[in-house]
C-alpha atoms as a PDB file:
ATOM      1  CA  MET A   1      -0.806 -10.363  15.598  1.00  0.00           C
ATOM      2  CA  HIS A   2      -0.159  -6.642  14.661  1.00  0.00           C
ATOM      3  CA  LEU A   3       3.155  -5.358  14.001  1.00  0.00           C
ATOM      4  CA  SER A   4       4.401  -1.536  14.420  1.00  0.00           C
ATOM      5  CA  GLN A   5       7.502   0.561  14.862  1.00  0.00           C
ATOM      6  CA  LEU A   6       7.363   4.190  16.942  1.00  0.00           C
ATOM      7  CA  SER A   7       9.859   6.583  17.433  1.00  0.00           C
ATOM      8  CA  VAL A   8      11.398   6.672  20.687  1.00  0.00           C
ATOM      9  CA  ALA A   9      14.502   8.376  22.538  1.00  0.00           C
ATOM     10  CA  LYS A  10      16.627   5.708  21.727  1.00  0.00           C
ATOM     11  CA  GLY A  11      15.736   5.090  18.300  1.00  0.00           C
ATOM     12  CA  VAL A  12      13.130   2.392  16.678  1.00  0.00           C
ATOM     13  CA  GLN A  13      10.859   1.050  19.153  1.00  0.00           C
ATOM     14  CA  VAL A  14       9.140  -2.460  17.584  1.00  0.00           C
ATOM     15  CA  VAL A  15       5.607  -3.148  18.881  1.00  0.00           C
ATOM     16  CA  ALA A  16       3.353  -6.198  18.865  1.00  0.00           C
ATOM     17  CA  ARG A  17       0.018  -5.777  19.531  1.00  0.00           C
ATOM     18  CA  GLU A  18      -2.451  -9.149  20.040  1.00  0.00           C
ATOM     19  CA  GLY A  19      -6.139  -7.541  20.207  1.00  0.00           C
ATOM     20  CA  ALA A  20      -6.580  -4.500  22.202  1.00  0.00           C
ATOM     21  CA  VAL A  21      -3.154  -4.814  24.117  1.00  0.00           C
ATOM     22  CA  ALA A  22       0.094  -3.807  22.209  1.00  0.00           C
ATOM     23  CA  ARG A  23       3.812  -4.424  24.257  1.00  0.00           C
ATOM     24  CA  ALA A  24       7.053  -3.803  22.796  1.00  0.00           C
ATOM     25  CA  VAL A  25       8.952  -6.505  21.264  1.00  0.00           C
ATOM     26  CA  LEU A  26      12.417  -7.695  23.280  1.00  0.00           C
ATOM     27  CA  GLY A  27      15.487  -7.260  21.694  1.00  0.00           C
ATOM     28  CA  ALA A  28      14.298  -6.103  17.963  1.00  0.00           C
ATOM     29  CA  GLY A  29      16.018  -2.979  16.400  1.00  0.00           C
ATOM     30  CA  SER A  30      13.393  -2.952  13.841  1.00  0.00           C
ATOM     31  CA  VAL A  31      10.687  -4.994  11.893  1.00  0.00           C
ATOM     32  CA  TYR A  32      13.090  -5.636   9.390  1.00  0.00           C
ATOM     33  CA  ASP A  33      15.641  -7.351  11.348  1.00  0.00           C
ATOM     34  CA  LEU A  34      13.262  -9.172  13.081  1.00  0.00           C
ATOM     35  CA  ALA A  35      11.671 -10.383   9.789  1.00  0.00           C
ATOM     36  CA  LEU A  36      15.363 -11.559   8.884  1.00  0.00           C
ATOM     37  CA  ALA A  37      16.015 -13.493  11.563  1.00  0.00           C
ATOM     38  CA  ALA A  38      12.962 -15.327  10.918  1.00  0.00           C
ATOM     39  CA  VAL A  39      13.551 -15.893   7.500  1.00  0.00           C
ATOM     40  CA  VAL A  40      16.957 -17.171   8.470  1.00  0.00           C
ATOM     41  CA  ALA A  41      15.967 -19.151  11.217  1.00  0.00           C
ATOM     42  CA  GLY A  42      13.113 -20.605   9.801  1.00  0.00           C
ATOM     43  CA  ARG A  43      10.574 -19.695  11.895  1.00  0.00           C
ATOM     44  CA  SER A  44       7.446 -17.437  11.826  1.00  0.00           C
ATOM     45  CA  LEU A  45       7.432 -13.974  12.480  1.00  0.00           C
ATOM     46  CA  ALA A  46       4.940 -15.179  15.653  1.00  0.00           C
ATOM     47  CA  GLN A  47       7.512 -17.823  16.658  1.00  0.00           C
ATOM     48  CA  GLU A  48      10.459 -15.001  16.027  1.00  0.00           C
ATOM     49  CA  VAL A  49       8.159 -12.799  18.555  1.00  0.00           C
ATOM     50  CA  ALA A  50       7.499 -15.505  21.066  1.00  0.00           C
ATOM     51  CA  LEU A  51      10.991 -16.191  21.432  1.00  0.00           C
ATOM     52  CA  ARG A  52      12.235 -12.723  21.832  1.00  0.00           C
ATOM     53  CA  GLY A  53       9.390 -12.174  24.885  1.00  0.00           C
ATOM     54  CA  LEU A  54       7.330  -8.623  25.212  1.00  0.00           C
ATOM     55  CA  GLY A  55       7.677  -6.078  27.516  1.00  0.00           C
ATOM     56  CA  ASP A  56       6.133  -3.116  28.701  1.00  0.00           C
ATOM     57  CA  VAL A  57       2.235  -2.610  27.482  1.00  0.00           C
ATOM     58  CA  VAL A  58       2.665   0.547  24.975  1.00  0.00           C
ATOM     59  CA  ASP A  59      -0.521   2.546  24.149  1.00  0.00           C
ATOM     60  CA  LEU A  60      -0.442   3.182  20.160  1.00  0.00           C
ATOM     61  CA  ALA A  61      -2.936   5.581  20.023  1.00  0.00           C
ATOM     62  CA  ALA A  62      -1.093   8.473  22.372  1.00  0.00           C
ATOM     63  CA  ALA A  63       1.879   7.595  20.334  1.00  0.00           C
ATOM     64  CA  ALA A  64      -0.063   8.637  16.961  1.00  0.00           C
ATOM     65  CA  ARG A  65      -0.797  11.726  18.729  1.00  0.00           C
ATOM     66  CA  GLU A  66       2.451  12.887  19.599  1.00  0.00           C
ATOM     67  CA  GLY A  67       3.387  11.877  15.761  1.00  0.00           C
ATOM     68  CA  ARG A  68       5.728   8.973  16.878  1.00  0.00           C
ATOM     69  CA  LEU A  69       4.504   6.751  14.352  1.00  0.00           C
ATOM     70  CA  LEU A  70       6.774   5.401  11.707  1.00  0.00           C
ATOM     71  CA  LEU A  71       6.512   3.291   9.031  1.00  0.00           C
ATOM     72  CA  PRO A  72       6.227  -0.769  10.275  1.00  0.00           C
ATOM     73  CA  VAL A  73       8.860  -1.809   8.196  1.00  0.00           C
ATOM     74  CA  THR A  74      11.784   0.013   6.418  1.00  0.00           C
ATOM     75  CA  HIS A  75      14.876  -1.063   4.778  1.00  0.00           C
ATOM     76  CA  PRO A  76      18.241  -0.031   6.186  1.00  0.00           C
ATOM     77  CA  ASP A  77      18.968   1.375   2.644  1.00  0.00           C
ATOM     78  CA  PRO A  78      16.201   3.064   0.837  1.00  0.00           C
ATOM     79  CA  ALA A  79      16.866   2.069  -2.736  1.00  0.00           C
ATOM     80  CA  HIS A  80      16.321  -1.825  -1.361  1.00  0.00           C
ATOM     81  CA  LEU A  81      12.726  -0.995  -0.505  1.00  0.00           C
ATOM     82  CA  HIS A  82      10.439  -1.369  -4.008  1.00  0.00           C
ATOM     83  CA  MET A  83       6.610   0.062  -4.024  1.00  0.00           C
ATOM     84  CA  THR A  84       4.932  -1.313  -6.648  1.00  0.00           C
ATOM     85  CA  GLY A  85       1.331  -2.124  -7.596  1.00  0.00           C
ATOM     86  CA  THR A  86      -1.490  -3.368  -9.750  1.00  0.00           C
ATOM     87  CA  GLY A  87      -4.702  -1.820 -10.948  1.00  0.00           C
ATOM     88  CA  LEU A  88      -7.972  -2.797 -12.268  1.00  0.00           C
ATOM     89  CA  THR A  89      -8.557  -5.489  -9.533  1.00  0.00           C
ATOM     90  CA  HIS A  90     -11.364  -4.611  -7.720  1.00  0.00           C
ATOM     91  CA  LEU A  91     -14.612  -5.504  -8.764  1.00  0.00           C
ATOM     92  CA  GLY A  92     -16.111  -2.318  -7.424  1.00  0.00           C
ATOM     93  CA  SER A  93     -19.700  -1.406  -6.134  1.00  0.00           C
ATOM     94  CA  ALA A  94     -22.957  -3.625  -7.224  1.00  0.00           C
ATOM     95  CA  SER A  95     -23.945  -1.118  -9.577  1.00  0.00           C
ATOM     96  CA  ALA A  96     -20.627  -0.536 -11.286  1.00  0.00           C
ATOM     97  CA  ARG A  97     -19.948  -4.235 -11.576  1.00  0.00           C
ATOM     98  CA  ASP A  98     -23.435  -3.889 -13.710  1.00  0.00           C
ATOM     99  CA  ALA A  99     -22.071  -1.139 -15.586  1.00  0.00           C
ATOM    100  CA  MET A 100     -19.224  -2.988 -16.485  1.00  0.00           C
ATOM    101  CA  HIS A 101     -20.367  -6.245 -17.736  1.00  0.00           C
ATOM    102  CA  ALA A 102     -22.982  -3.975 -19.947  1.00  0.00           C
ATOM    103  CA  LYS A 103     -19.969  -2.847 -21.721  1.00  0.00           C
ATOM    104  CA  LEU A 104     -18.213  -6.062 -21.729  1.00  0.00           C
ATOM    105  CA  GLY A 105     -20.488  -7.049 -24.181  1.00  0.00           C
ATOM    106  CA  GLN A 106     -19.533  -4.642 -26.846  1.00  0.00           C
ATOM    107  CA  ALA A 107     -16.111  -5.185 -27.599  1.00  0.00           C
ATOM    108  CA  GLU A 108     -15.648  -3.673 -30.281  1.00  0.00           C
ATOM    109  CA  THR A 109     -15.848  -0.058 -28.329  1.00  0.00           C
ATOM    110  CA  LEU A 110     -13.851  -1.874 -24.939  1.00  0.00           C
ATOM    111  CA  THR A 111     -10.642   0.887 -23.968  1.00  0.00           C
ATOM    112  CA  ASP A 112      -7.811  -0.734 -22.825  1.00  0.00           C
ATOM    113  CA  SER A 113      -8.430  -0.219 -19.191  1.00  0.00           C
ATOM    114  CA  MET A 114     -11.761  -2.040 -19.782  1.00  0.00           C
ATOM    115  CA  ARG A 115      -9.911  -5.031 -21.610  1.00  0.00           C
ATOM    116  CA  MET A 116      -7.528  -5.497 -19.029  1.00  0.00           C
ATOM    117  CA  PHE A 117     -10.737  -5.846 -16.486  1.00  0.00           C
ATOM    118  CA  ARG A 118     -12.239  -8.151 -18.553  1.00  0.00           C
ATOM    119  CA  MET A 119      -9.228 -10.267 -18.249  1.00  0.00           C
ATOM    120  CA  GLY A 120      -8.719 -10.269 -14.765  1.00  0.00           C
ATOM    121  CA  LEU A 121     -12.578 -11.242 -14.694  1.00  0.00           C
ATOM    122  CA  GLU A 122     -11.698 -14.537 -17.053  1.00  0.00           C
ATOM    123  CA  GLY A 123      -8.192 -15.092 -16.099  1.00  0.00           C
ATOM    124  CA  GLY A 124      -7.263 -13.541 -12.807  1.00  0.00           C
ATOM    125  CA  ARG A 125      -8.462 -16.446 -10.209  1.00  0.00           C
ATOM    126  CA  PRO A 126      -6.521 -19.800 -11.436  1.00  0.00           C
ATOM    127  CA  ALA A 127      -6.394 -22.726  -9.832  1.00  0.00           C
ATOM    128  CA  ALA A 128      -4.295 -23.234  -7.189  1.00  0.00           C
ATOM    129  CA  GLY A 129      -0.399 -23.422  -8.505  1.00  0.00           C
ATOM    130  CA  ALA A 130      -1.549 -22.281 -11.798  1.00  0.00           C
ATOM    131  CA  VAL A 131      -1.155 -19.156 -13.864  1.00  0.00           C
ATOM    132  CA  GLY A 132      -3.721 -16.666 -14.560  1.00  0.00           C
ATOM    133  CA  ALA A 133      -3.971 -13.534 -16.820  1.00  0.00           C
ATOM    134  CA  GLN A 134      -1.289 -10.708 -16.182  1.00  0.00           C
ATOM    135  CA  PRO A 135      -2.690  -7.733 -14.567  1.00  0.00           C
ATOM    136  CA  GLU A 136      -1.902  -3.977 -14.843  1.00  0.00           C
ATOM    137  CA  TRP A 137       1.157  -3.348 -12.877  1.00  0.00           C
ATOM    138  CA  PHE A 138       3.051   0.233 -12.474  1.00  0.00           C
ATOM    139  CA  TYR A 139       6.185   1.164 -10.297  1.00  0.00           C
ATOM    140  CA  LYS A 140       5.973   3.792  -7.238  1.00  0.00           C
ATOM    141  CA  GLY A 141       9.288   4.586  -6.342  1.00  0.00           C
ATOM    142  CA  ASN A 142      11.937   3.014  -3.688  1.00  0.00           C
ATOM    143  CA  GLY A 143      11.994   3.621   0.232  1.00  0.00           C
ATOM    144  CA  HIS A 144      12.841   7.515  -0.638  1.00  0.00           C
ATOM    145  CA  ALA A 145       9.130   8.219  -1.674  1.00  0.00           C
ATOM    146  CA  ALA A 146       7.595   5.897   1.621  1.00  0.00           C
ATOM    147  CA  VAL A 147       6.281   8.474   3.692  1.00  0.00           C
ATOM    148  CA  ALA A 148       5.514   7.546   7.471  1.00  0.00           C
ATOM    149  CA  PRO A 149       2.003   7.884   9.017  1.00  0.00           C
ATOM    150  CA  GLY A 150       1.132  11.082   9.883  1.00  0.00           C
ATOM    151  CA  ALA A 151       3.328  13.025   7.536  1.00  0.00           C
ATOM    152  CA  ALA A 152       2.801  14.592   4.664  1.00  0.00           C
ATOM    153  CA  LEU A 153       2.321  13.477   1.027  1.00  0.00           C
ATOM    154  CA  LEU A 154       4.223  15.667  -0.766  1.00  0.00           C
ATOM    155  CA  ALA A 155       2.349  16.264  -4.355  1.00  0.00           C
ATOM    156  CA  PRO A 156       5.535  17.643  -6.979  1.00  0.00           C
ATOM    157  CA  GLY A 157       5.132  21.135  -8.201  1.00  0.00           C
ATOM    158  CA  PHE A 158       4.498  19.687 -11.620  1.00  0.00           C
ATOM    159  CA  ALA A 159       1.329  17.362 -10.443  1.00  0.00           C
ATOM    160  CA  GLU A 160      -1.878  18.315 -11.697  1.00  0.00           C
ATOM    161  CA  ASP A 161      -3.835  16.327  -8.677  1.00  0.00           C
ATOM    162  CA  GLY A 162      -2.883  14.621  -5.638  1.00  0.00           C
ATOM    163  CA  GLY A 163      -4.873  12.225  -4.708  1.00  0.00           C
ATOM    164  CA  GLU A 164      -5.570   9.146  -2.496  1.00  0.00           C
ATOM    165  CA  GLU A 165      -6.367   5.613  -3.281  1.00  0.00           C
ATOM    166  CA  PRO A 166      -7.097   3.459   0.036  1.00  0.00           C
ATOM    167  CA  GLU A 167      -5.783   0.068  -0.839  1.00  0.00           C
ATOM    168  CA  VAL A 168      -4.132  -3.030   0.754  1.00  0.00           C
ATOM    169  CA  ALA A 169      -0.595  -3.727   0.269  1.00  0.00           C
ATOM    170  CA  GLY A 170       1.404  -6.977   0.508  1.00  0.00           C
ATOM    171  CA  VAL A 171       4.732  -6.574   2.769  1.00  0.00           C
ATOM    172  CA  TYR A 172       7.631  -8.830   1.591  1.00  0.00           C
ATOM    173  CA  ILE A 173      11.155  -9.925   2.142  1.00  0.00           C
ATOM    174  CA  ALA A 174      13.738 -11.790  -0.177  1.00  0.00           C
ATOM    175  CA  GLY A 175      15.714 -13.977   1.865  1.00  0.00           C
ATOM    176  CA  PRO A 176      19.264 -15.366   1.157  1.00  0.00           C
ATOM    177  CA  ASP A 177      18.255 -17.802  -1.435  1.00  0.00           C
ATOM    178  CA  GLY A 178      16.131 -15.262  -3.174  1.00  0.00           C
ATOM    179  CA  ARG A 179      12.530 -17.256  -1.727  1.00  0.00           C
ATOM    180  CA  VAL A 180       9.988 -14.581  -0.934  1.00  0.00           C
ATOM    181  CA  HIS A 181       8.245 -14.441   2.070  1.00  0.00           C
ATOM    182  CA  ARG A 182       5.319 -12.160   3.344  1.00  0.00           C
ATOM    183  CA  ILE A 183       5.678 -10.170   6.307  1.00  0.00           C
ATOM    184  CA  GLY A 184       2.263  -9.214   6.416  1.00  0.00           C
ATOM    185  CA  TRP A 185      -0.588  -6.674   5.217  1.00  0.00           C
ATOM    186  CA  ALA A 186      -1.117  -3.091   5.679  1.00  0.00           C
ATOM    187  CA  LEU A 187      -3.323  -0.376   4.739  1.00  0.00           C
ATOM    188  CA  GLY A 188      -2.170   1.731   2.155  1.00  0.00           C
ATOM    189  CA  ASN A 189      -2.304   5.303   0.298  1.00  0.00           C
ATOM    190  CA  GLU A 190      -1.479   4.742  -3.086  1.00  0.00           C
ATOM    191  CA  PHE A 191      -0.995   8.536  -3.760  1.00  0.00           C
ATOM    192  CA  SER A 192      -2.136   9.210  -7.279  1.00  0.00           C
ATOM    193  CA  ASP A 193      -2.017  12.173  -9.918  1.00  0.00           C
ATOM    194  CA  HIS A 194      -5.693  10.984 -11.633  1.00  0.00           C
ATOM    195  CA  VAL A 195      -5.861  14.220 -13.446  1.00  0.00           C
ATOM    196  CA  THR A 196      -2.391  13.406 -15.357  1.00  0.00           C
ATOM    197  CA  GLU A 197      -3.499  10.228 -15.626  1.00  0.00           C
ATOM    198  CA  ARG A 198      -6.852  10.821 -17.617  1.00  0.00           C
ATOM    199  CA  VAL A 199      -5.011  13.150 -20.187  1.00  0.00           C
ATOM    200  CA  ASN A 200      -3.798  10.096 -21.962  1.00  0.00           C
ATOM    201  CA  TYR A 201      -3.630   6.381 -20.353  1.00  0.00           C
ATOM    202  CA  LEU A 202       0.049   6.084 -21.697  1.00  0.00           C
ATOM    203  CA  TRP A 203       0.607   9.069 -19.101  1.00  0.00           C
ATOM    204  CA  LEU A 204      -0.194   6.393 -16.076  1.00  0.00           C
ATOM    205  CA  ALA A 205       3.427   5.455 -15.375  1.00  0.00           C
ATOM    206  CA  HIS A 206       3.766   9.175 -14.652  1.00  0.00           C
ATOM    207  CA  SER A 207       0.910   9.359 -12.663  1.00  0.00           C
ATOM    208  CA  LYS A 208       2.322   6.778 -10.708  1.00  0.00           C
ATOM    209  CA  LEU A 209       5.767   8.315  -9.763  1.00  0.00           C
ATOM    210  CA  ARG A 210       4.221   9.776  -5.918  1.00  0.00           C
ATOM    211  CA  VAL A 211       4.979   9.210  -2.797  1.00  0.00           C
ATOM    212  CA  ALA A 212       2.570   6.531  -0.849  1.00  0.00           C
ATOM    213  CA  SER A 213       2.053   5.543   2.725  1.00  0.00           C
ATOM    214  CA  TYR A 214       1.273   2.440   4.358  1.00  0.00           C
ATOM    215  CA  GLY A 215       1.265   1.456   8.188  1.00  0.00           C
ATOM    216  CA  PRO A 216       0.734   2.221  10.740  1.00  0.00           C
ATOM    217  CA  GLU A 217       0.288  -1.574  11.584  1.00  0.00           C
ATOM    218  CA  ILE A 218       1.484  -4.795   9.910  1.00  0.00           C
ATOM    219  CA  LEU A 219      -1.445  -7.770   9.973  1.00  0.00           C
ATOM    220  CA  VAL A 220       0.749 -10.581  10.359  1.00  0.00           C
ATOM    221  CA  GLY A 221      -1.305 -14.059   9.449  1.00  0.00           C
ATOM    222  CA  ASP A 222      -3.766 -14.558   6.716  1.00  0.00           C
ATOM    223  CA  LEU A 223      -5.611 -11.628   5.140  1.00  0.00           C
ATOM    224  CA  PRO A 224      -9.618 -11.822   5.490  1.00  0.00           C
ATOM    225  CA  ALA A 225     -11.446 -11.844   1.959  1.00  0.00           C
ATOM    226  CA  ASP A 226     -13.727  -9.303   2.774  1.00  0.00           C
ATOM    227  CA  ILE A 227     -12.221  -6.412   3.985  1.00  0.00           C
ATOM    228  CA  ARG A 228     -14.201  -3.129   4.531  1.00  0.00           C
ATOM    229  CA  GLY A 229     -13.081   0.163   5.399  1.00  0.00           C
ATOM    230  CA  THR A 230     -13.903   3.918   5.145  1.00  0.00           C
ATOM    231  CA  SER A 231     -11.724   6.915   3.334  1.00  0.00           C
ATOM    232  CA  ARG A 232     -12.332  10.079   3.726  1.00  0.00           C
ATOM    233  CA  ILE A 233     -11.240  13.816   3.156  1.00  0.00           C
ATOM    234  CA  ARG A 234     -10.984  16.379   6.037  1.00  0.00           C
ATOM    235  CA  ARG A 235     -10.497  19.834   4.880  1.00  0.00           C
ATOM    236  CA  ASP A 236     -10.305  22.391   8.087  1.00  0.00           C
ATOM    237  CA  GLY A 237     -11.338  19.654  10.258  1.00  0.00           C
ATOM    238  CA  ALA A 238     -14.639  18.685   8.638  1.00  0.00           C
ATOM    239  CA  VAL A 239     -15.241  16.149   6.438  1.00  0.00           C
ATOM    240  CA  ILE A 240     -15.715  16.869   2.839  1.00  0.00           C
ATOM    241  CA  TRP A 241     -15.994  13.205   1.527  1.00  0.00           C
ATOM    242  CA  GLU A 242     -16.251  10.240   2.694  1.00  0.00           C
ATOM    243  CA  LYS A 243     -16.918   6.855   1.508  1.00  0.00           C
ATOM    244  CA  PRO A 244     -17.153   2.902   2.577  1.00  0.00           C
ATOM    245  CA  PHE A 245     -14.690   0.816   0.341  1.00  0.00           C
ATOM    246  CA  LEU A 246     -14.226  -3.202  -0.232  1.00  0.00           C
ATOM    247  CA  SER A 247     -11.168  -5.164  -0.655  1.00  0.00           C
ATOM    248  CA  GLY A 248      -9.830  -8.962  -0.078  1.00  0.00           C
ATOM    249  CA  GLU A 249     -10.172 -11.289  -2.340  1.00  0.00           C
ATOM    250  CA  ALA A 250     -14.254 -11.636  -2.285  1.00  0.00           C
ATOM    251  CA  ASN A 251     -13.891  -7.846  -4.101  1.00  0.00           C
ATOM    252  CA  MET A 252     -11.257  -8.501  -6.550  1.00  0.00           C
ATOM    253  CA  SER A 253     -10.862 -10.087 -10.027  1.00  0.00           C
ATOM    254  CA  HIS A 254      -7.739 -11.565  -9.063  1.00  0.00           C
ATOM    255  CA  THR A 255      -6.539 -13.953  -6.741  1.00  0.00           C
ATOM    256  CA  ILE A 256      -3.683 -12.580  -4.162  1.00  0.00           C
ATOM    257  CA  ALA A 257      -1.292 -15.348  -5.491  1.00  0.00           C
ATOM    258  CA  ASN A 258      -1.706 -14.604  -8.977  1.00  0.00           C
ATOM    259  CA  LEU A 259      -1.061 -10.592  -8.249  1.00  0.00           C
ATOM    260  CA  GLU A 260       2.163 -12.036  -6.174  1.00  0.00           C
ATOM    261  CA  HIS A 261       3.500 -14.552  -8.870  1.00  0.00           C
ATOM    262  CA  HIS A 262       3.053 -11.939 -11.609  1.00  0.00           C
ATOM    263  CA  HIS A 263       4.988  -9.418  -9.617  1.00  0.00           C
ATOM    264  CA  PHE A 264       7.640 -11.873  -8.198  1.00  0.00           C
ATOM    265  CA  LYS A 265       7.999 -13.784 -11.385  1.00  0.00           C
ATOM    266  CA  TYR A 266      10.848 -11.286 -12.263  1.00  0.00           C
ATOM    267  CA  ASP A 267      14.581 -12.282 -11.347  1.00  0.00           C
ATOM    268  CA  ILE A 268      15.187  -8.320 -10.213  1.00  0.00           C
ATOM    269  CA  PHE A 269      12.366  -8.587  -7.590  1.00  0.00           C
ATOM    270  CA  ARG A 270      13.653 -11.471  -5.717  1.00  0.00           C
ATOM    271  CA  GLN A 271      17.213 -10.187  -4.464  1.00  0.00           C
ATOM    272  CA  SER A 272      18.227 -11.328  -1.119  1.00  0.00           C
ATOM    273  CA  GLY A 273      17.342  -9.070   1.844  1.00  0.00           C
ATOM    274  CA  ASP A 274      14.891  -6.817  -0.460  1.00  0.00           C
ATOM    275  CA  LEU A 275      11.739  -5.271   0.952  1.00  0.00           C
ATOM    276  CA  HIS A 276       8.480  -4.863  -1.141  1.00  0.00           C
ATOM    277  CA  VAL A 277       5.539  -3.207  -0.733  1.00  0.00           C
ATOM    278  CA  HIS A 278       2.930  -3.971  -3.359  1.00  0.00           C
ATOM    279  CA  PHE A 279      -0.417  -2.442  -3.342  1.00  0.00           C
ATOM    280  CA  PHE A 280      -3.170  -4.381  -5.024  1.00  0.00           C
ATOM    281  CA  GLY A 281      -5.544  -1.390  -6.294  1.00  0.00           C
ATOM    282  CA  THR A 282      -9.230   0.210  -5.277  1.00  0.00           C
ATOM    283  CA  ALA A 283     -12.286   0.832  -6.362  1.00  0.00           C
ATOM    284  CA  THR A 284     -12.777   3.785  -4.255  1.00  0.00           C
ATOM    285  CA  LEU A 285     -11.354   7.256  -5.137  1.00  0.00           C
ATOM    286  CA  SER A 286     -12.837  10.811  -3.973  1.00  0.00           C
ATOM    287  CA  VAL A 287     -11.501  12.181  -8.147  1.00  0.00           C
ATOM    288  CA  ALA A 288     -14.603  10.208  -9.423  1.00  0.00           C
ATOM    289  CA  ASP A 289     -17.344  11.777  -7.239  1.00  0.00           C
ATOM    290  CA  GLY A 290     -15.971  15.223  -8.253  1.00  0.00           C
ATOM    291  CA  ILE A 291     -13.483  15.818  -5.365  1.00  0.00           C
ATOM    292  CA  LYS A 292     -10.592  18.747  -6.174  1.00  0.00           C
ATOM    293  CA  THR A 293      -7.718  18.171  -2.940  1.00  0.00           C
ATOM    294  CA  GLN A 294      -5.834  21.146  -1.908  1.00  0.00           C
ATOM    295  CA  ALA A 295      -3.384  21.721   0.153  1.00  0.00           C
ATOM    296  CA  GLY A 296      -3.865  21.406   4.177  1.00  0.00           C
ATOM    297  CA  ASP A 297      -6.294  18.061   3.066  1.00  0.00           C
ATOM    298  CA  VAL A 298      -6.412  15.405   5.158  1.00  0.00           C
ATOM    299  CA  PHE A 299      -6.530  11.792   4.018  1.00  0.00           C
ATOM    300  CA  GLU A 300      -8.057   9.053   6.445  1.00  0.00           C
ATOM    301  CA  ILE A 301      -8.030   5.594   5.707  1.00  0.00           C
ATOM    302  CA  ASP A 302      -9.433   3.365   7.846  1.00  0.00           C
ATOM    303  CA  SER A 303     -10.494  -0.369   8.473  1.00  0.00           C
ATOM    304  CA  PRO A 304     -10.770  -2.166  11.997  1.00  0.00           C
ATOM    305  CA  THR A 305      -8.831  -4.867  10.395  1.00  0.00           C
ATOM    306  CA  PHE A 306      -6.151  -3.324  10.695  1.00  0.00           C
ATOM    307  CA  GLY A 307      -5.870  -1.368  13.904  1.00  0.00           C
ATOM    308  CA  LEU A 308      -4.759   2.114  13.703  1.00  0.00           C
ATOM    309  CA  PRO A 309      -6.270   4.549  10.746  1.00  0.00           C
ATOM    310  CA  LEU A 310      -3.804   5.793   8.382  1.00  0.00           C
ATOM    311  CA  ILE A 311      -3.720   9.340   8.241  1.00  0.00           C
ATOM    312  CA  ASN A 312      -1.514  11.702   5.810  1.00  0.00           C
ATOM    313  CA  PRO A 313      -1.885  15.451   5.630  1.00  0.00           C
ATOM    314  CA  LEU A 314      -1.512  16.416   1.542  1.00  0.00           C
ATOM    315  CA  ALA A 315       1.314  19.491   0.711  1.00  0.00           C
ATOM    316  CA  PHE A 316       2.401  20.561  -2.820  1.00  0.00           C
ATOM    317  CA  ALA A 317       5.803  21.259  -3.897  1.00  0.00           C
ATOM    318  CA  PRO A 318       7.092  25.017  -5.200  1.00  0.00           C
ATOM    319  CA  ALA A 319       6.054  24.849  -8.779  1.00  0.00           C
ATOM    320  CA  GLN A 320       9.320  24.673 -10.853  1.00  0.00           C
ATOM    321  CA  ASP A 321      11.008  27.137 -13.260  1.00  0.00           C
ATOM    322  CA  GLY A 322      11.990  25.854 -16.573  1.00  0.00           C
ATOM    323  CA  ALA A 323      13.208  22.433 -17.470  1.00  0.00           C
ATOM    324  CA  GLN A 324      15.510  19.841 -15.504  1.00  0.00           C
ATOM    325  CA  THR A 325      18.824  20.131 -16.909  1.00  0.00           C
ATOM    326  CA  VAL A 326      21.614  17.174 -17.128  1.00  0.00           C
ATOM    327  CA  THR A 327      25.118  18.251 -16.569  1.00  0.00           C
ATOM    328  CA  ALA A 328      27.789  16.255 -18.632  1.00  0.00           C
ATOM    329  CA  LEU A 329      31.056  14.795 -16.883  1.00  0.00           C
END
């Protein structure tokens, strides 16, 4: 089952899709309310949807053309939606993997990134119930930085770059008792500033403090081990770059369970009612092929596993004059 949210005259419409047929979920004001009700009642999301029942057929493709796609889940208070991520988690192509392993034999020349990657290869897939190696972790922002499918990814005026990152994101809600429940999985564009990151790895945290998008649909249930998709960039309607991407545990150096543990082991991320969108990383970037994005470019991230593609244009905010100032009270 896939869940999504659309803008309608009366507010928000929750949609459940089984196969090719999508229908409105009756009595559901939002996916957040639906998920919280399922947690409180001790039901699965599928059971909660079945209990409420389905109504009219919905044309999701038409909704996308009409610009009515919303983020598939949000929090009533954007400050209680946390967007975070992990990097150096994917094995990449066979040739890249061979090159990586060759460098791993030269321990004295390893960068911090390469050491982190090796830690994942050696300890990122622990036995069930065991704790494995910590991944790279970063903070993206809260719900104020979450951009709906179809809306522009706005790079700040001081940005050096605005680049796509096609990823799978896990979507979670913390229950009243602090236990974390996975709502499902979504396509994500973990939009970043790769030029800033390359200046100095210690600027990675700065490069990640950008908006991001996810959806349009949430896959409810198990995540396939092998995810196949395509990432592309259009400029003036023409494709200027396109490349397949891989995700899922078959293509990762960490298990999903290990990455989830190292995020939710922190008490601050288990606060009742909070939502989390956690990006699991990628091995496919247009910047690695020398692409320099510009305002008006359109990012498309597509995978049959998740239904509708995630499409966002790129925009840049005006440059800022001078420094930000703080006023004393």
